[in-house]
Amino acid sequence: MKKLLAGCALALAWVAPAISAEATTSWQGDDYSFNYNDRQNLKTCDIEHDSHTVAGEGDVDGNLTQDSRVVDPSDGGACATRQMAWSPGKIFHHRTCENIPVWPDPCGGWQAT
């Protein structure tokens, strides 16, 4: 039993760094944003055909407020994207928001990177 537990712990130690290097994705409906390039870039994709643009909001100082915004002006389908790098910081959290005229913009929850 001890050998089995030791083997499992070793396997987790080997897999954990690979998992932590993965991009974090935030969702709002079918629209999404994800971080990449060592948390320096945020890509935002508008998947829904609903006449609303989508924005990825990035928090670069850890206080869960929008510090930067990436807007994808497309209207779904091909996942048209815009990329933006923040300098010199890294993205601590991000979320995806749908831009709806006149109404408050619905946003997904903040995702830690």
PDB file of N, CA and C in Angstrom:
ATOM      1  N   MET A   1       0.823  -1.195   0.000  1.00  0.00           N
ATOM      2  CA  MET A   1       0.000   0.000   0.000  1.00  0.00           C
ATOM      3  C   MET A   1       0.868   1.260   0.000  1.00  0.00           C
ATOM      4  N   LYS A   2       1.954   1.238   0.796  1.00  0.00           N
ATOM      5  CA  LYS A   2       2.835   2.402   0.846  1.00  0.00           C
ATOM      6  C   LYS A   2       3.481   2.658  -0.509  1.00  0.00           C
ATOM      7  N   LYS A   3       3.826   1.578  -1.240  1.00  0.00           N
ATOM      8  CA  LYS A   3       4.418   1.736  -2.568  1.00  0.00           C
ATOM      9  C   LYS A   3       3.417   2.372  -3.530  1.00  0.00           C
ATOM     10  N   LEU A   4       2.166   1.970  -3.419  1.00  0.00           N
ATOM     11  CA  LEU A   4       1.117   2.538  -4.274  1.00  0.00           C
ATOM     12  C   LEU A   4       0.942   4.028  -3.998  1.00  0.00           C
ATOM     13  N   LEU A   5       0.874   4.413  -2.712  1.00  0.00           N
ATOM     14  CA  LEU A   5       0.738   5.823  -2.359  1.00  0.00           C
ATOM     15  C   LEU A   5       1.950   6.623  -2.802  1.00  0.00           C
ATOM     16  N   ALA A   6       3.144   6.071  -2.642  1.00  0.00           N
ATOM     17  CA  ALA A   6       4.357   6.760  -3.078  1.00  0.00           C
ATOM     18  C   ALA A   6       4.345   6.933  -4.589  1.00  0.00           C
ATOM     19  N   GLY A   7       3.889   5.926  -5.311  1.00  0.00           N
ATOM     20  CA  GLY A   7       3.799   6.017  -6.774  1.00  0.00           C
ATOM     21  C   GLY A   7       2.805   7.076  -7.215  1.00  0.00           C
ATOM     22  N   CYS A   8       1.677   7.158  -6.528  1.00  0.00           N
ATOM     23  CA  CYS A   8       0.669   8.178  -6.847  1.00  0.00           C
ATOM     24  C   CYS A   8       1.209   9.577  -6.574  1.00  0.00           C
ATOM     25  N   ALA A   9       1.899   9.747  -5.450  1.00  0.00           N
ATOM     26  CA  ALA A   9       2.473  11.057  -5.119  1.00  0.00           C
ATOM     27  C   ALA A   9       3.507  11.467  -6.148  1.00  0.00           C
ATOM     28  N   LEU A  10       4.322  10.525  -6.598  1.00  0.00           N
ATOM     29  CA  LEU A  10       5.324  10.815  -7.610  1.00  0.00           C
ATOM     30  C   LEU A  10       4.658  11.193  -8.926  1.00  0.00           C
ATOM     31  N   ALA A  11       3.607  10.493  -9.302  1.00  0.00           N
ATOM     32  CA  ALA A  11       2.882  10.805 -10.541  1.00  0.00           C
ATOM     33  C   ALA A  11       2.274  12.201 -10.475  1.00  0.00           C
ATOM     34  N   LEU A  12       1.689  12.566  -9.341  1.00  0.00           N
ATOM     35  CA  LEU A  12       1.109  13.906  -9.195  1.00  0.00           C
ATOM     36  C   LEU A  12       2.185  14.982  -9.249  1.00  0.00           C
ATOM     37  N   ALA A  13       3.321  14.725  -8.650  1.00  0.00           N
ATOM     38  CA  ALA A  13       4.415  15.703  -8.680  1.00  0.00           C
ATOM     39  C   ALA A  13       4.906  15.921 -10.102  1.00  0.00           C
ATOM     40  N   TRP A  14       4.836  14.893 -10.925  1.00  0.00           N
ATOM     41  CA  TRP A  14       5.278  15.002 -12.316  1.00  0.00           C
ATOM     42  C   TRP A  14       4.246  15.719 -13.175  1.00  0.00           C
ATOM     43  N   VAL A  15       2.949  15.503 -12.913  1.00  0.00           N
ATOM     44  CA  VAL A  15       1.874  16.076 -13.722  1.00  0.00           C
ATOM     45  C   VAL A  15       1.532  17.500 -13.297  1.00  0.00           C
ATOM     46  N   ALA A  16       1.650  17.857 -12.028  1.00  0.00           N
ATOM     47  CA  ALA A  16       1.216  19.162 -11.526  1.00  0.00           C
ATOM     48  C   ALA A  16       1.846  20.342 -12.263  1.00  0.00           C
ATOM     49  N   PRO A  17       3.161  20.352 -12.559  1.00  0.00           N
ATOM     50  CA  PRO A  17       3.709  21.497 -13.276  1.00  0.00           C
ATOM     51  C   PRO A  17       3.093  21.671 -14.663  1.00  0.00           C
ATOM     52  N   ALA A  18       2.776  20.578 -15.331  1.00  0.00           N
ATOM     53  CA  ALA A  18       2.164  20.682 -16.655  1.00  0.00           C
ATOM     54  C   ALA A  18       0.764  21.273 -16.558  1.00  0.00           C
ATOM     55  N   ILE A  19       0.023  20.906 -15.525  1.00  0.00           N
ATOM     56  CA  ILE A  19      -1.327  21.443 -15.356  1.00  0.00           C
ATOM     57  C   ILE A  19      -1.273  22.940 -15.069  1.00  0.00           C
ATOM     58  N   SER A  20      -0.358  23.376 -14.223  1.00  0.00           N
ATOM     59  CA  SER A  20      -0.299  24.785 -13.855  1.00  0.00           C
ATOM     60  C   SER A  20       0.129  25.670 -15.029  1.00  0.00           C
ATOM     61  N   ALA A  21       0.762  25.087 -16.043  1.00  0.00           N
ATOM     62  CA  ALA A  21       1.205  25.865 -17.198  1.00  0.00           C
ATOM     63  C   ALA A  21       0.078  26.064 -18.212  1.00  0.00           C
ATOM     64  N   GLU A  22      -1.034  25.386 -18.058  1.00  0.00           N
ATOM     65  CA  GLU A  22      -2.147  25.509 -18.991  1.00  0.00           C
ATOM     66  C   GLU A  22      -2.798  26.884 -18.891  1.00  0.00           C
ATOM     67  N   ALA A  23      -3.386  27.324 -19.994  1.00  0.00           N
ATOM     68  CA  ALA A  23      -4.112  28.590 -20.003  1.00  0.00           C
ATOM     69  C   ALA A  23      -5.405  28.452 -19.211  1.00  0.00           C
ATOM     70  N   THR A  24      -5.828  29.538 -18.596  1.00  0.00           N
ATOM     71  CA  THR A  24      -7.084  29.581 -17.864  1.00  0.00           C
ATOM     72  C   THR A  24      -8.128  30.223 -18.763  1.00  0.00           C
ATOM     73  N   THR A  25      -9.303  29.617 -18.867  1.00  0.00           N
ATOM     74  CA  THR A  25     -10.364  30.118 -19.738  1.00  0.00           C
ATOM     75  C   THR A  25     -11.521  30.632 -18.903  1.00  0.00           C
ATOM     76  N   SER A  26     -12.038  31.808 -19.280  1.00  0.00           N
ATOM     77  CA  SER A  26     -13.248  32.347 -18.653  1.00  0.00           C
ATOM     78  C   SER A  26     -14.352  32.359 -19.699  1.00  0.00           C
ATOM     79  N   TRP A  27     -15.568  32.146 -19.255  1.00  0.00           N
ATOM     80  CA  TRP A  27     -16.716  32.009 -20.166  1.00  0.00           C
ATOM     81  C   TRP A  27     -17.815  33.003 -19.830  1.00  0.00           C
ATOM     82  N   GLN A  28     -18.529  33.436 -20.846  1.00  0.00           N
ATOM     83  CA  GLN A  28     -19.797  34.153 -20.716  1.00  0.00           C
ATOM     84  C   GLN A  28     -20.668  33.570 -21.817  1.00  0.00           C
ATOM     85  N   GLY A  29     -21.583  32.686 -21.449  1.00  0.00           N
ATOM     86  CA  GLY A  29     -22.331  31.946 -22.464  1.00  0.00           C
ATOM     87  C   GLY A  29     -21.354  31.075 -23.244  1.00  0.00           C
ATOM     88  N   ASP A  30     -21.384  31.181 -24.582  1.00  0.00           N
ATOM     89  CA  ASP A  30     -20.440  30.442 -25.422  1.00  0.00           C
ATOM     90  C   ASP A  30     -19.200  31.262 -25.747  1.00  0.00           C
ATOM     91  N   ASP A  31     -19.181  32.532 -25.398  1.00  0.00           N
ATOM     92  CA  ASP A  31     -18.034  33.401 -25.651  1.00  0.00           C
ATOM     93  C   ASP A  31     -16.985  33.144 -24.564  1.00  0.00           C
ATOM     94  N   TYR A  32     -15.724  33.349 -24.918  1.00  0.00           N
ATOM     95  CA  TYR A  32     -14.683  33.050 -23.936  1.00  0.00           C
ATOM     96  C   TYR A  32     -13.425  33.877 -24.151  1.00  0.00           C
ATOM     97  N   SER A  33     -12.599  33.895 -23.120  1.00  0.00           N
ATOM     98  CA  SER A  33     -11.280  34.524 -23.142  1.00  0.00           C
ATOM     99  C   SER A  33     -10.311  33.571 -22.477  1.00  0.00           C
ATOM    100  N   PHE A  34      -9.056  33.645 -22.882  1.00  0.00           N
ATOM    101  CA  PHE A  34      -8.042  32.856 -22.199  1.00  0.00           C
ATOM    102  C   PHE A  34      -6.699  33.568 -22.225  1.00  0.00           C
ATOM    103  N   ASN A  35      -5.919  33.293 -21.205  1.00  0.00           N
ATOM    104  CA  ASN A  35      -4.595  33.884 -21.109  1.00  0.00           C
ATOM    105  C   ASN A  35      -3.572  32.942 -21.731  1.00  0.00           C
ATOM    106  N   TYR A  36      -2.459  33.512 -22.202  1.00  0.00           N
ATOM    107  CA  TYR A  36      -1.376  32.697 -22.749  1.00  0.00           C
ATOM    108  C   TYR A  36      -0.099  33.530 -22.739  1.00  0.00           C
ATOM    109  N   ASN A  37       0.982  32.965 -23.245  1.00  0.00           N
ATOM    110  CA  ASN A  37       2.279  33.642 -23.295  1.00  0.00           C
ATOM    111  C   ASN A  37       2.725  34.053 -21.891  1.00  0.00           C
ATOM    112  N   ASP A  38       2.748  33.063 -20.999  1.00  0.00           N
ATOM    113  CA  ASP A  38       3.192  33.299 -19.622  1.00  0.00           C
ATOM    114  C   ASP A  38       2.364  34.384 -18.935  1.00  0.00           C
ATOM    115  N   ARG A  39       1.038  34.357 -19.159  1.00  0.00           N
ATOM    116  CA  ARG A  39       0.073  35.269 -18.537  1.00  0.00           C
ATOM    117  C   ARG A  39       0.255  36.729 -18.970  1.00  0.00           C
ATOM    118  N   GLN A  40       0.864  36.968 -20.116  1.00  0.00           N
ATOM    119  CA  GLN A  40       1.054  38.338 -20.576  1.00  0.00           C
ATOM    120  C   GLN A  40       0.048  38.738 -21.652  1.00  0.00           C
ATOM    121  N   ASN A  41      -0.685  37.793 -22.207  1.00  0.00           N
ATOM    122  CA  ASN A  41      -1.646  38.087 -23.260  1.00  0.00           C
ATOM    123  C   ASN A  41      -3.007  37.498 -22.919  1.00  0.00           C
ATOM    124  N   LEU A  42      -4.044  38.137 -23.433  1.00  0.00           N
ATOM    125  CA  LEU A  42      -5.417  37.659 -23.267  1.00  0.00           C
ATOM    126  C   LEU A  42      -6.075  37.658 -24.636  1.00  0.00           C
ATOM    127  N   LYS A  43      -6.635  36.551 -25.013  1.00  0.00           N
ATOM    128  CA  LYS A  43      -7.326  36.424 -26.298  1.00  0.00           C
ATOM    129  C   LYS A  43      -8.809  36.266 -26.005  1.00  0.00           C
ATOM    130  N   THR A  44      -9.644  36.978 -26.745  1.00  0.00           N
ATOM    131  CA  THR A  44     -11.092  36.980 -26.527  1.00  0.00           C
ATOM    132  C   THR A  44     -11.803  36.532 -27.796  1.00  0.00           C
ATOM    133  N   CYS A  45     -12.740  35.617 -27.659  1.00  0.00           N
ATOM    134  CA  CYS A  45     -13.431  35.050 -28.818  1.00  0.00           C
ATOM    135  C   CYS A  45     -14.941  35.205 -28.676  1.00  0.00           C
ATOM    136  N   ASP A  46     -15.555  35.715 -29.727  1.00  0.00           N
ATOM    137  CA  ASP A  46     -17.004  35.882 -29.787  1.00  0.00           C
ATOM    138  C   ASP A  46     -17.567  34.745 -30.627  1.00  0.00           C
ATOM    139  N   ILE A  47     -18.255  33.817 -29.991  1.00  0.00           N
ATOM    140  CA  ILE A  47     -18.766  32.632 -30.665  1.00  0.00           C
ATOM    141  C   ILE A  47     -20.254  32.763 -31.004  1.00  0.00           C
ATOM    142  N   GLU A  48     -20.986  33.522 -30.215  1.00  0.00           N
ATOM    143  CA  GLU A  48     -22.441  33.624 -30.395  1.00  0.00           C
ATOM    144  C   GLU A  48     -22.787  34.590 -31.526  1.00  0.00           C
ATOM    145  N   HIS A  49     -23.792  34.263 -32.299  1.00  0.00           N
ATOM    146  CA  HIS A  49     -24.328  35.139 -33.346  1.00  0.00           C
ATOM    147  C   HIS A  49     -25.481  35.942 -32.747  1.00  0.00           C
ATOM    148  N   ASP A  50     -25.157  36.977 -31.945  1.00  0.00           N
ATOM    149  CA  ASP A  50     -26.195  37.697 -31.228  1.00  0.00           C
ATOM    150  C   ASP A  50     -26.106  39.216 -31.375  1.00  0.00           C
ATOM    151  N   SER A  51     -25.277  39.707 -32.277  1.00  0.00           N
ATOM    152  CA  SER A  51     -25.094  41.145 -32.533  1.00  0.00           C
ATOM    153  C   SER A  51     -24.435  41.890 -31.374  1.00  0.00           C
ATOM    154  N   HIS A  52     -23.846  41.190 -30.427  1.00  0.00           N
ATOM    155  CA  HIS A  52     -23.148  41.833 -29.313  1.00  0.00           C
ATOM    156  C   HIS A  52     -21.663  41.509 -29.392  1.00  0.00           C
ATOM    157  N   THR A  53     -20.828  42.522 -29.168  1.00  0.00           N
ATOM    158  CA  THR A  53     -19.403  42.263 -29.099  1.00  0.00           C
ATOM    159  C   THR A  53     -19.061  41.654 -27.738  1.00  0.00           C
ATOM    160  N   VAL A  54     -17.857  41.148 -27.637  1.00  0.00           N
ATOM    161  CA  VAL A  54     -17.406  40.504 -26.401  1.00  0.00           C
ATOM    162  C   VAL A  54     -16.094  41.142 -25.985  1.00  0.00           C
ATOM    163  N   ALA A  55     -15.894  41.272 -24.678  1.00  0.00           N
ATOM    164  CA  ALA A  55     -14.652  41.834 -24.161  1.00  0.00           C
ATOM    165  C   ALA A  55     -14.045  40.899 -23.128  1.00  0.00           C
ATOM    166  N   GLY A  56     -12.742  40.809 -23.156  1.00  0.00           N
ATOM    167  CA  GLY A  56     -11.999  40.136 -22.100  1.00  0.00           C
ATOM    168  C   GLY A  56     -11.434  41.215 -21.195  1.00  0.00           C
ATOM    169  N   GLU A  57     -11.702  41.118 -19.919  1.00  0.00           N
ATOM    170  CA  GLU A  57     -11.197  42.105 -18.966  1.00  0.00           C
ATOM    171  C   GLU A  57     -10.082  41.474 -18.151  1.00  0.00           C
ATOM    172  N   GLY A  58      -8.959  42.173 -18.065  1.00  0.00           N
ATOM    173  CA  GLY A  58      -7.815  41.657 -17.340  1.00  0.00           C
ATOM    174  C   GLY A  58      -7.512  42.459 -16.092  1.00  0.00           C
ATOM    175  N   ASP A  59      -7.170  41.743 -15.039  1.00  0.00           N
ATOM    176  CA  ASP A  59      -6.747  42.335 -13.765  1.00  0.00           C
ATOM    177  C   ASP A  59      -5.254  42.059 -13.631  1.00  0.00           C
ATOM    178  N   VAL A  60      -4.440  43.118 -13.651  1.00  0.00           N
ATOM    179  CA  VAL A  60      -2.990  42.926 -13.610  1.00  0.00           C
ATOM    180  C   VAL A  60      -2.367  43.292 -12.258  1.00  0.00           C
ATOM    181  N   ASP A  61      -3.188  43.683 -11.280  1.00  0.00           N
ATOM    182  CA  ASP A  61      -2.613  44.005  -9.971  1.00  0.00           C
ATOM    183  C   ASP A  61      -3.222  43.172  -8.836  1.00  0.00           C
ATOM    184  N   GLY A  62      -4.090  42.223  -9.171  1.00  0.00           N
ATOM    185  CA  GLY A  62      -4.603  41.291  -8.174  1.00  0.00           C
ATOM    186  C   GLY A  62      -5.780  41.763  -7.350  1.00  0.00           C
ATOM    187  N   ASN A  63      -6.401  42.912  -7.700  1.00  0.00           N
ATOM    188  CA  ASN A  63      -7.503  43.420  -6.869  1.00  0.00           C
ATOM    189  C   ASN A  63      -8.894  43.187  -7.470  1.00  0.00           C
ATOM    190  N   LEU A  64      -8.994  42.334  -8.481  1.00  0.00           N
ATOM    191  CA  LEU A  64     -10.269  41.968  -9.116  1.00  0.00           C
ATOM    192  C   LEU A  64     -11.020  43.173  -9.673  1.00  0.00           C
ATOM    193  N   THR A  65     -10.310  44.085 -10.291  1.00  0.00           N
ATOM    194  CA  THR A  65     -10.925  45.183 -11.032  1.00  0.00           C
ATOM    195  C   THR A  65     -10.315  45.203 -12.426  1.00  0.00           C
ATOM    196  N   GLN A  66     -11.082  45.737 -13.371  1.00  0.00           N
ATOM    197  CA  GLN A  66     -10.619  45.779 -14.754  1.00  0.00           C
ATOM    198  C   GLN A  66      -9.489  46.798 -14.902  1.00  0.00           C
ATOM    199  N   ASP A  67      -8.318  46.318 -15.276  1.00  0.00           N
ATOM    200  CA  ASP A  67      -7.186  47.195 -15.547  1.00  0.00           C
ATOM    201  C   ASP A  67      -6.984  47.380 -17.044  1.00  0.00           C
ATOM    202  N   SER A  68      -7.336  46.366 -17.815  1.00  0.00           N
ATOM    203  CA  SER A  68      -7.199  46.414 -19.269  1.00  0.00           C
ATOM    204  C   SER A  68      -8.352  45.651 -19.889  1.00  0.00           C
ATOM    205  N   ARG A  69      -8.643  45.958 -21.144  1.00  0.00           N
ATOM    206  CA  ARG A  69      -9.797  45.362 -21.818  1.00  0.00           C
ATOM    207  C   ARG A  69      -9.435  45.056 -23.260  1.00  0.00           C
ATOM    208  N   VAL A  70      -9.803  43.888 -23.720  1.00  0.00           N
ATOM    209  CA  VAL A  70      -9.612  43.472 -25.104  1.00  0.00           C
ATOM    210  C   VAL A  70     -11.003  43.227 -25.682  1.00  0.00           C
ATOM    211  N   VAL A  71     -11.359  43.917 -26.764  1.00  0.00           N
ATOM    212  CA  VAL A  71     -12.692  43.776 -27.355  1.00  0.00           C
ATOM    213  C   VAL A  71     -12.590  43.020 -28.669  1.00  0.00           C
ATOM    214  N   ASP A  72     -13.437  42.026 -28.827  1.00  0.00           N
ATOM    215  CA  ASP A  72     -13.555  41.291 -30.080  1.00  0.00           C
ATOM    216  C   ASP A  72     -14.822  41.794 -30.765  1.00  0.00           C
ATOM    217  N   PRO A  73     -14.689  42.551 -31.859  1.00  0.00           N
ATOM    218  CA  PRO A  73     -15.853  43.165 -32.504  1.00  0.00           C
ATOM    219  C   PRO A  73     -16.625  42.229 -33.424  1.00  0.00           C
ATOM    220  N   SER A  74     -16.214  40.986 -33.564  1.00  0.00           N
ATOM    221  CA  SER A  74     -16.902  40.084 -34.485  1.00  0.00           C
ATOM    222  C   SER A  74     -18.258  39.684 -33.912  1.00  0.00           C
ATOM    223  N   ASP A  75     -19.058  39.028 -34.735  1.00  0.00           N
ATOM    224  CA  ASP A  75     -20.360  38.556 -34.270  1.00  0.00           C
ATOM    225  C   ASP A  75     -20.463  37.052 -34.436  1.00  0.00           C
ATOM    226  N   GLY A  76     -19.549  36.357 -33.840  1.00  0.00           N
ATOM    227  CA  GLY A  76     -19.639  34.917 -33.753  1.00  0.00           C
ATOM    228  C   GLY A  76     -19.149  34.161 -34.968  1.00  0.00           C
ATOM    229  N   GLY A  77     -19.163  32.869 -34.794  1.00  0.00           N
ATOM    230  CA  GLY A  77     -18.810  31.985 -35.891  1.00  0.00           C
ATOM    231  C   GLY A  77     -17.362  31.567 -35.922  1.00  0.00           C
ATOM    232  N   ALA A  78     -16.510  32.384 -36.493  1.00  0.00           N
ATOM    233  CA  ALA A  78     -15.125  31.985 -36.762  1.00  0.00           C
ATOM    234  C   ALA A  78     -14.175  32.301 -35.618  1.00  0.00           C
ATOM    235  N   CYS A  79     -14.632  32.776 -34.514  1.00  0.00           N
ATOM    236  CA  CYS A  79     -13.805  33.112 -33.358  1.00  0.00           C
ATOM    237  C   CYS A  79     -12.772  34.174 -33.716  1.00  0.00           C
ATOM    238  N   ALA A  80     -13.221  35.263 -34.308  1.00  0.00           N
ATOM    239  CA  ALA A  80     -12.318  36.386 -34.572  1.00  0.00           C
ATOM    240  C   ALA A  80     -11.793  36.890 -33.242  1.00  0.00           C
ATOM    241  N   THR A  81     -10.518  37.177 -33.176  1.00  0.00           N
ATOM    242  CA  THR A  81      -9.929  37.554 -31.902  1.00  0.00           C
ATOM    243  C   THR A  81      -9.028  38.769 -32.032  1.00  0.00           C
ATOM    244  N   ARG A  82      -8.812  39.403 -30.940  1.00  0.00           N
ATOM    245  CA  ARG A  82      -7.793  40.441 -30.805  1.00  0.00           C
ATOM    246  C   ARG A  82      -6.923  40.051 -29.637  1.00  0.00           C
ATOM    247  N   GLN A  83      -5.665  40.384 -29.729  1.00  0.00           N
ATOM    248  CA  GLN A  83      -4.735  40.064 -28.654  1.00  0.00           C
ATOM    249  C   GLN A  83      -4.152  41.349 -28.097  1.00  0.00           C
ATOM    250  N   MET A  84      -3.848  41.319 -26.828  1.00  0.00           N
ATOM    251  CA  MET A  84      -3.239  42.484 -26.204  1.00  0.00           C
ATOM    252  C   MET A  84      -2.302  42.026 -25.118  1.00  0.00           C
ATOM    253  N   ALA A  85      -1.111  42.589 -25.068  1.00  0.00           N
ATOM    254  CA  ALA A  85      -0.149  42.255 -24.016  1.00  0.00           C
ATOM    255  C   ALA A  85      -0.093  43.398 -23.027  1.00  0.00           C
ATOM    256  N   TRP A  86      -0.047  43.075 -21.747  1.00  0.00           N
ATOM    257  CA  TRP A  86       0.097  44.088 -20.719  1.00  0.00           C
ATOM    258  C   TRP A  86       1.543  44.123 -20.271  1.00  0.00           C
ATOM    259  N   SER A  87       2.055  45.281 -20.143  1.00  0.00           N
ATOM    260  CA  SER A  87       3.449  45.413 -19.740  1.00  0.00           C
ATOM    261  C   SER A  87       3.526  46.388 -18.583  1.00  0.00           C
ATOM    262  N   PRO A  88       4.305  46.125 -17.583  1.00  0.00           N
ATOM    263  CA  PRO A  88       5.229  45.004 -17.439  1.00  0.00           C
ATOM    264  C   PRO A  88       4.626  43.832 -16.674  1.00  0.00           C
ATOM    265  N   GLY A  89       3.387  43.994 -16.191  1.00  0.00           N
ATOM    266  CA  GLY A  89       2.806  42.980 -15.313  1.00  0.00           C
ATOM    267  C   GLY A  89       2.270  41.768 -16.020  1.00  0.00           C
ATOM    268  N   LYS A  90       1.784  40.838 -15.231  1.00  0.00           N
ATOM    269  CA  LYS A  90       1.150  39.632 -15.736  1.00  0.00           C
ATOM    270  C   LYS A  90      -0.307  39.644 -15.303  1.00  0.00           C
ATOM    271  N   ILE A  91      -1.120  38.901 -16.008  1.00  0.00           N
ATOM    272  CA  ILE A  91      -2.544  38.836 -15.709  1.00  0.00           C
ATOM    273  C   ILE A  91      -2.745  37.965 -14.464  1.00  0.00           C
ATOM    274  N   PHE A  92      -3.348  38.540 -13.430  1.00  0.00           N
ATOM    275  CA  PHE A  92      -3.668  37.776 -12.218  1.00  0.00           C
ATOM    276  C   PHE A  92      -5.024  37.086 -12.377  1.00  0.00           C
ATOM    277  N   HIS A  93      -5.994  37.805 -12.935  1.00  0.00           N
ATOM    278  CA  HIS A  93      -7.353  37.291 -13.130  1.00  0.00           C
ATOM    279  C   HIS A  93      -7.880  37.847 -14.453  1.00  0.00           C
ATOM    280  N   HIS A  94      -8.860  37.173 -15.025  1.00  0.00           N
ATOM    281  CA  HIS A  94      -9.563  37.720 -16.181  1.00  0.00           C
ATOM    282  C   HIS A  94     -10.973  37.161 -16.226  1.00  0.00           C
ATOM    283  N   ARG A  95     -11.815  37.857 -16.976  1.00  0.00           N
ATOM    284  CA  ARG A  95     -13.196  37.408 -17.165  1.00  0.00           C
ATOM    285  C   ARG A  95     -13.662  37.837 -18.544  1.00  0.00           C
ATOM    286  N   THR A  96     -14.770  37.249 -18.983  1.00  0.00           N
ATOM    287  CA  THR A  96     -15.348  37.543 -20.285  1.00  0.00           C
ATOM    288  C   THR A  96     -16.677  38.249 -20.076  1.00  0.00           C
ATOM    289  N   CYS A  97     -16.874  39.359 -20.810  1.00  0.00           N
ATOM    290  CA  CYS A  97     -18.110  40.138 -20.695  1.00  0.00           C
ATOM    291  C   CYS A  97     -18.733  40.318 -22.072  1.00  0.00           C
ATOM    292  N   GLU A  98     -20.041  40.297 -22.119  1.00  0.00           N
ATOM    293  CA  GLU A  98     -20.767  40.560 -23.354  1.00  0.00           C
ATOM    294  C   GLU A  98     -21.225  42.009 -23.329  1.00  0.00           C
ATOM    295  N   ASN A  99     -20.910  42.744 -24.381  1.00  0.00           N
ATOM    296  CA  ASN A  99     -21.256  44.166 -24.444  1.00  0.00           C
ATOM    297  C   ASN A  99     -22.669  44.322 -24.988  1.00  0.00           C
ATOM    298  N   ILE A 100     -23.598  44.679 -24.112  1.00  0.00           N
ATOM    299  CA  ILE A 100     -25.000  44.846 -24.500  1.00  0.00           C
ATOM    300  C   ILE A 100     -25.352  46.321 -24.355  1.00  0.00           C
ATOM    301  N   PRO A 101     -25.718  46.987 -25.464  1.00  0.00           N
ATOM    302  CA  PRO A 101     -26.047  48.411 -25.391  1.00  0.00           C
ATOM    303  C   PRO A 101     -27.165  48.679 -24.383  1.00  0.00           C
ATOM    304  N   VAL A 102     -27.034  49.746 -23.633  1.00  0.00           N
ATOM    305  CA  VAL A 102     -28.016  50.256 -22.669  1.00  0.00           C
ATOM    306  C   VAL A 102     -28.059  49.421 -21.384  1.00  0.00           C
ATOM    307  N   TRP A 103     -27.974  48.103 -21.476  1.00  0.00           N
ATOM    308  CA  TRP A 103     -28.085  47.237 -20.312  1.00  0.00           C
ATOM    309  C   TRP A 103     -26.719  47.030 -19.672  1.00  0.00           C
ATOM    310  N   PRO A 104     -26.697  46.676 -18.389  1.00  0.00           N
ATOM    311  CA  PRO A 104     -25.409  46.299 -17.776  1.00  0.00           C
ATOM    312  C   PRO A 104     -24.829  45.077 -18.503  1.00  0.00           C
ATOM    313  N   ASP A 105     -23.528  45.052 -18.678  1.00  0.00           N
ATOM    314  CA  ASP A 105     -22.887  43.949 -19.393  1.00  0.00           C
ATOM    315  C   ASP A 105     -22.765  42.726 -18.493  1.00  0.00           C
ATOM    316  N   PRO A 106     -23.341  41.585 -18.910  1.00  0.00           N
ATOM    317  CA  PRO A 106     -23.166  40.361 -18.124  1.00  0.00           C
ATOM    318  C   PRO A 106     -21.729  39.857 -18.279  1.00  0.00           C
ATOM    319  N   CYS A 107     -21.140  39.474 -17.180  1.00  0.00           N
ATOM    320  CA  CYS A 107     -19.762  38.975 -17.180  1.00  0.00           C
ATOM    321  C   CYS A 107     -19.701  37.629 -16.473  1.00  0.00           C
ATOM    322  N   GLY A 108     -18.813  36.786 -16.949  1.00  0.00           N
ATOM    323  CA  GLY A 108     -18.512  35.565 -16.227  1.00  0.00           C
ATOM    324  C   GLY A 108     -17.696  35.903 -14.997  1.00  0.00           C
ATOM    325  N   GLY A 109     -17.475  34.946 -14.147  1.00  0.00           N
ATOM    326  CA  GLY A 109     -16.696  35.165 -12.943  1.00  0.00           C
ATOM    327  C   GLY A 109     -15.217  35.380 -13.248  1.00  0.00           C
ATOM    328  N   TRP A 110     -14.525  36.053 -12.350  1.00  0.00           N
ATOM    329  CA  TRP A 110     -13.076  36.241 -12.487  1.00  0.00           C
ATOM    330  C   TRP A 110     -12.405  34.882 -12.376  1.00  0.00           C
ATOM    331  N   GLN A 111     -11.473  34.615 -13.280  1.00  0.00           N
ATOM    332  CA  GLN A 111     -10.699  33.379 -13.255  1.00  0.00           C
ATOM    333  C   GLN A 111      -9.256  33.699 -12.870  1.00  0.00           C
ATOM    334  N   ALA A 112      -8.745  33.012 -11.880  1.00  0.00           N
ATOM    335  CA  ALA A 112      -7.351  33.192 -11.489  1.00  0.00           C
ATOM    336  C   ALA A 112      -6.461  32.492 -12.502  1.00  0.00           C
ATOM    337  N   THR A 113      -5.331  33.104 -12.823  1.00  0.00           N
ATOM    338  CA  THR A 113      -4.422  32.506 -13.809  1.00  0.00           C
ATOM    339  C   THR A 113      -3.276  31.802 -13.118  1.00  0.00           C
TER     340      THR A 113
END
